[in-house]
């Protein structure tokens, strides 16, 4: 599950970066960034702490 969140976050960050340079999507770009950050935070919170 953790790797899936990272993949989604990376895809969303790439989409945000492309959209930022293209100026095509407007407010959608910031929504993608927020979703990507939330995915990363959830990934850090849910990671296994097995030593």
PDB file of N, CA and C in Angstrom:
ATOM      1  N   UNK A   1       0.828  -1.193   0.000  1.00  0.00           N
ATOM      2  CA  UNK A   1       0.000   0.000   0.000  1.00  0.00           C
ATOM      3  C   UNK A   1       0.872   1.256   0.000  1.00  0.00           C
ATOM      4  N   UNK A   2       1.974   1.199   0.714  1.00  0.00           N
ATOM      5  CA  UNK A   2       2.847   2.357   0.803  1.00  0.00           C
ATOM      6  C   UNK A   2       3.444   2.699  -0.558  1.00  0.00           C
ATOM      7  N   UNK A   3       3.887   1.693  -1.312  1.00  0.00           N
ATOM      8  CA  UNK A   3       4.481   1.975  -2.617  1.00  0.00           C
ATOM      9  C   UNK A   3       3.435   2.534  -3.578  1.00  0.00           C
ATOM     10  N   UNK A   4       2.189   2.116  -3.447  1.00  0.00           N
ATOM     11  CA  UNK A   4       1.125   2.645  -4.292  1.00  0.00           C
ATOM     12  C   UNK A   4       0.916   4.131  -4.010  1.00  0.00           C
ATOM     13  N   UNK A   5       0.958   4.525  -2.739  1.00  0.00           N
ATOM     14  CA  UNK A   5       0.818   5.941  -2.390  1.00  0.00           C
ATOM     15  C   UNK A   5       1.969   6.764  -2.958  1.00  0.00           C
ATOM     16  N   UNK A   6       3.184   6.217  -2.919  1.00  0.00           N
ATOM     17  CA  UNK A   6       4.320   6.938  -3.476  1.00  0.00           C
ATOM     18  C   UNK A   6       4.191   7.090  -4.985  1.00  0.00           C
ATOM     19  N   UNK A   7       3.739   6.043  -5.666  1.00  0.00           N
ATOM     20  CA  UNK A   7       3.554   6.115  -7.118  1.00  0.00           C
ATOM     21  C   UNK A   7       2.511   7.165  -7.464  1.00  0.00           C
ATOM     22  N   UNK A   8       1.404   7.177  -6.736  1.00  0.00           N
ATOM     23  CA  UNK A   8       0.354   8.173  -6.977  1.00  0.00           C
ATOM     24  C   UNK A   8       0.895   9.567  -6.710  1.00  0.00           C
ATOM     25  N   UNK A   9       1.636   9.725  -5.627  1.00  0.00           N
ATOM     26  CA  UNK A   9       2.189  11.040  -5.298  1.00  0.00           C
ATOM     27  C   UNK A   9       3.148  11.521  -6.375  1.00  0.00           C
ATOM     28  N   UNK A  10       3.996  10.649  -6.873  1.00  0.00           N
ATOM     29  CA  UNK A  10       4.947  11.035  -7.918  1.00  0.00           C
ATOM     30  C   UNK A  10       4.223  11.421  -9.194  1.00  0.00           C
ATOM     31  N   UNK A  11       3.210  10.644  -9.570  1.00  0.00           N
ATOM     32  CA  UNK A  11       2.430  10.969 -10.766  1.00  0.00           C
ATOM     33  C   UNK A  11       1.748  12.323 -10.611  1.00  0.00           C
ATOM     34  N   UNK A  12       1.175  12.578  -9.444  1.00  0.00           N
ATOM     35  CA  UNK A  12       0.501  13.857  -9.229  1.00  0.00           C
ATOM     36  C   UNK A  12       1.479  15.030  -9.210  1.00  0.00           C
ATOM     37  N   UNK A  13       2.646  14.837  -8.631  1.00  0.00           N
ATOM     38  CA  UNK A  13       3.645  15.907  -8.614  1.00  0.00           C
ATOM     39  C   UNK A  13       4.131  16.201 -10.029  1.00  0.00           C
ATOM     40  N   UNK A  14       4.338  15.154 -10.837  1.00  0.00           N
ATOM     41  CA  UNK A  14       4.741  15.363 -12.225  1.00  0.00           C
ATOM     42  C   UNK A  14       3.642  16.094 -12.987  1.00  0.00           C
ATOM     43  N   UNK A  15       2.400  15.691 -12.764  1.00  0.00           N
ATOM     44  CA  UNK A  15       1.282  16.373 -13.408  1.00  0.00           C
ATOM     45  C   UNK A  15       1.191  17.824 -12.992  1.00  0.00           C
ATOM     46  N   UNK A  16       1.450  18.097 -11.707  1.00  0.00           N
ATOM     47  CA  UNK A  16       1.434  19.465 -11.223  1.00  0.00           C
ATOM     48  C   UNK A  16       2.537  20.289 -11.870  1.00  0.00           C
ATOM     49  N   UNK A  17       3.727  19.714 -11.976  1.00  0.00           N
ATOM     50  CA  UNK A  17       4.854  20.434 -12.576  1.00  0.00           C
ATOM     51  C   UNK A  17       4.587  20.736 -14.047  1.00  0.00           C
ATOM     52  N   UNK A  18       4.055  19.768 -14.775  1.00  0.00           N
ATOM     53  CA  UNK A  18       3.735  19.981 -16.188  1.00  0.00           C
ATOM     54  C   UNK A  18       2.663  21.058 -16.321  1.00  0.00           C
ATOM     55  N   UNK A  19       1.655  20.980 -15.500  1.00  0.00           N
ATOM     56  CA  UNK A  19       0.585  21.962 -15.549  1.00  0.00           C
ATOM     57  C   UNK A  19       1.031  23.360 -15.182  1.00  0.00           C
ATOM     58  N   UNK A  20       1.986  23.450 -14.245  1.00  0.00           N
ATOM     59  CA  UNK A  20       2.499  24.753 -13.848  1.00  0.00           C
ATOM     60  C   UNK A  20       3.205  25.430 -15.014  1.00  0.00           C
ATOM     61  N   UNK A  21       3.969  24.675 -15.770  1.00  0.00           N
ATOM     62  CA  UNK A  21       4.700  25.258 -16.885  1.00  0.00           C
ATOM     63  C   UNK A  21       3.808  25.473 -18.099  1.00  0.00           C
ATOM     64  N   UNK A  22       2.730  24.740 -18.206  1.00  0.00           N
ATOM     65  CA  UNK A  22       1.861  24.859 -19.382  1.00  0.00           C
ATOM     66  C   UNK A  22       0.765  25.914 -19.186  1.00  0.00           C
ATOM     67  N   UNK A  23       0.441  26.276 -17.953  1.00  0.00           N
ATOM     68  CA  UNK A  23      -0.614  27.248 -17.633  1.00  0.00           C
ATOM     69  C   UNK A  23      -1.965  26.837 -18.210  1.00  0.00           C
ATOM     70  N   UNK A  24      -2.219  25.550 -18.304  1.00  0.00           N
ATOM     71  CA  UNK A  24      -3.420  25.102 -18.992  1.00  0.00           C
ATOM     72  C   UNK A  24      -4.561  24.759 -18.038  1.00  0.00           C
ATOM     73  N   UNK A  25      -4.266  24.286 -16.839  1.00  0.00           N
ATOM     74  CA  UNK A  25      -5.304  23.713 -15.999  1.00  0.00           C
ATOM     75  C   UNK A  25      -5.801  24.648 -14.894  1.00  0.00           C
ATOM     76  N   UNK A  26      -5.162  25.760 -14.672  1.00  0.00           N
ATOM     77  CA  UNK A  26      -5.628  26.705 -13.663  1.00  0.00           C
ATOM     78  C   UNK A  26      -5.557  26.151 -12.249  1.00  0.00           C
ATOM     79  N   UNK A  27      -6.695  26.166 -11.533  1.00  0.00           N
ATOM     80  CA  UNK A  27      -6.744  25.738 -10.142  1.00  0.00           C
ATOM     81  C   UNK A  27      -6.552  24.247  -9.938  1.00  0.00           C
ATOM     82  N   UNK A  28      -6.745  23.458 -10.986  1.00  0.00           N
ATOM     83  CA  UNK A  28      -6.583  22.007 -10.885  1.00  0.00           C
ATOM     84  C   UNK A  28      -5.156  21.634 -10.497  1.00  0.00           C
ATOM     85  N   UNK A  29      -4.205  22.439 -10.905  1.00  0.00           N
ATOM     86  CA  UNK A  29      -2.801  22.168 -10.612  1.00  0.00           C
ATOM     87  C   UNK A  29      -2.558  22.177  -9.105  1.00  0.00           C
ATOM     88  N   UNK A  30      -3.134  23.125  -8.417  1.00  0.00           N
ATOM     89  CA  UNK A  30      -2.931  23.222  -6.978  1.00  0.00           C
ATOM     90  C   UNK A  30      -3.640  22.079  -6.249  1.00  0.00           C
ATOM     91  N   UNK A  31      -4.767  21.642  -6.772  1.00  0.00           N
ATOM     92  CA  UNK A  31      -5.458  20.490  -6.193  1.00  0.00           C
ATOM     93  C   UNK A  31      -4.588  19.242  -6.328  1.00  0.00           C
ATOM     94  N   UNK A  32      -3.933  19.068  -7.487  1.00  0.00           N
ATOM     95  CA  UNK A  32      -3.036  17.930  -7.678  1.00  0.00           C
ATOM     96  C   UNK A  32      -1.884  17.971  -6.682  1.00  0.00           C
ATOM     97  N   UNK A  33      -1.337  19.151  -6.444  1.00  0.00           N
ATOM     98  CA  UNK A  33      -0.241  19.283  -5.488  1.00  0.00           C
ATOM     99  C   UNK A  33      -0.692  18.932  -4.076  1.00  0.00           C
ATOM    100  N   UNK A  34      -1.848  19.390  -3.682  1.00  0.00           N
ATOM    101  CA  UNK A  34      -2.373  19.093  -2.343  1.00  0.00           C
ATOM    102  C   UNK A  34      -2.604  17.594  -2.187  1.00  0.00           C
ATOM    103  N   UNK A  35      -3.180  16.953  -3.198  1.00  0.00           N
ATOM    104  CA  UNK A  35      -3.420  15.506  -3.138  1.00  0.00           C
ATOM    105  C   UNK A  35      -2.095  14.752  -3.059  1.00  0.00           C
ATOM    106  N   UNK A  36      -1.090  15.203  -3.804  1.00  0.00           N
ATOM    107  CA  UNK A  36       0.215  14.552  -3.759  1.00  0.00           C
ATOM    108  C   UNK A  36       0.844  14.677  -2.378  1.00  0.00           C
ATOM    109  N   UNK A  37       0.751  15.845  -1.770  1.00  0.00           N
ATOM    110  CA  UNK A  37       1.325  16.041  -0.441  1.00  0.00           C
ATOM    111  C   UNK A  37       0.590  15.184   0.590  1.00  0.00           C
ATOM    112  N   UNK A  38      -0.730  15.116   0.473  1.00  0.00           N
ATOM    113  CA  UNK A  38      -1.503  14.274   1.389  1.00  0.00           C
ATOM    114  C   UNK A  38      -1.099  12.816   1.239  1.00  0.00           C
ATOM    115  N   UNK A  39      -0.890  12.367   0.000  1.00  0.00           N
ATOM    116  CA  UNK A  39      -0.469  10.980  -0.233  1.00  0.00           C
ATOM    117  C   UNK A  39       0.889  10.712   0.401  1.00  0.00           C
ATOM    118  N   UNK A  40       1.811  11.654   0.284  1.00  0.00           N
ATOM    119  CA  UNK A  40       3.126  11.465   0.902  1.00  0.00           C
ATOM    120  C   UNK A  40       3.024  11.422   2.420  1.00  0.00           C
ATOM    121  N   UNK A  41       2.224  12.299   2.988  1.00  0.00           N
ATOM    122  CA  UNK A  41       2.059  12.315   4.449  1.00  0.00           C
ATOM    123  C   UNK A  41       1.439  11.006   4.927  1.00  0.00           C
ATOM    124  N   UNK A  42       0.415  10.535   4.229  1.00  0.00           N
ATOM    125  CA  UNK A  42      -0.197   9.260   4.603  1.00  0.00           C
ATOM    126  C   UNK A  42       0.793   8.118   4.473  1.00  0.00           C
ATOM    127  N   UNK A  43       1.642   8.173   3.458  1.00  0.00           N
ATOM    128  CA  UNK A  43       2.669   7.139   3.295  1.00  0.00           C
ATOM    129  C   UNK A  43       3.644   7.130   4.456  1.00  0.00           C
ATOM    130  N   UNK A  44       4.051   8.317   4.921  1.00  0.00           N
ATOM    131  CA  UNK A  44       4.953   8.381   6.065  1.00  0.00           C
ATOM    132  C   UNK A  44       4.274   7.933   7.344  1.00  0.00           C
ATOM    133  N   UNK A  45       3.011   8.265   7.516  1.00  0.00           N
ATOM    134  CA  UNK A  45       2.297   7.886   8.734  1.00  0.00           C
ATOM    135  C   UNK A  45       1.992   6.394   8.786  1.00  0.00           C
ATOM    136  N   UNK A  46       1.787   5.786   7.645  1.00  0.00           N
ATOM    137  CA  UNK A  46       1.389   4.373   7.613  1.00  0.00           C
ATOM    138  C   UNK A  46       2.540   3.408   7.384  1.00  0.00           C
ATOM    139  N   UNK A  47       3.760   3.920   7.261  1.00  0.00           N
ATOM    140  CA  UNK A  47       4.868   3.014   6.971  1.00  0.00           C
ATOM    141  C   UNK A  47       5.130   2.084   8.138  1.00  0.00           C
ATOM    142  N   UNK A  48       5.686   0.939   7.802  1.00  0.00           N
ATOM    143  CA  UNK A  48       5.976  -0.049   8.843  1.00  0.00           C
ATOM    144  C   UNK A  48       7.184   0.394   9.646  1.00  0.00           C
ATOM    145  N   UNK A  49       7.121   0.199  10.951  1.00  0.00           N
ATOM    146  CA  UNK A  49       8.223   0.588  11.830  1.00  0.00           C
ATOM    147  C   UNK A  49       8.920  -0.647  12.372  1.00  0.00           C
ATOM    148  N   UNK A  50       9.032  -1.685  11.551  1.00  0.00           N
ATOM    149  CA  UNK A  50       9.684  -2.917  11.966  1.00  0.00           C
ATOM    150  C   UNK A  50      11.186  -2.697  11.973  1.00  0.00           C
ATOM    151  N   UNK A  51      11.856  -3.042  13.094  1.00  0.00           N
ATOM    152  CA  UNK A  51      13.288  -2.833  13.217  1.00  0.00           C
ATOM    153  C   UNK A  51      14.004  -4.144  12.972  1.00  0.00           C
TER     154      UNK A  51
END
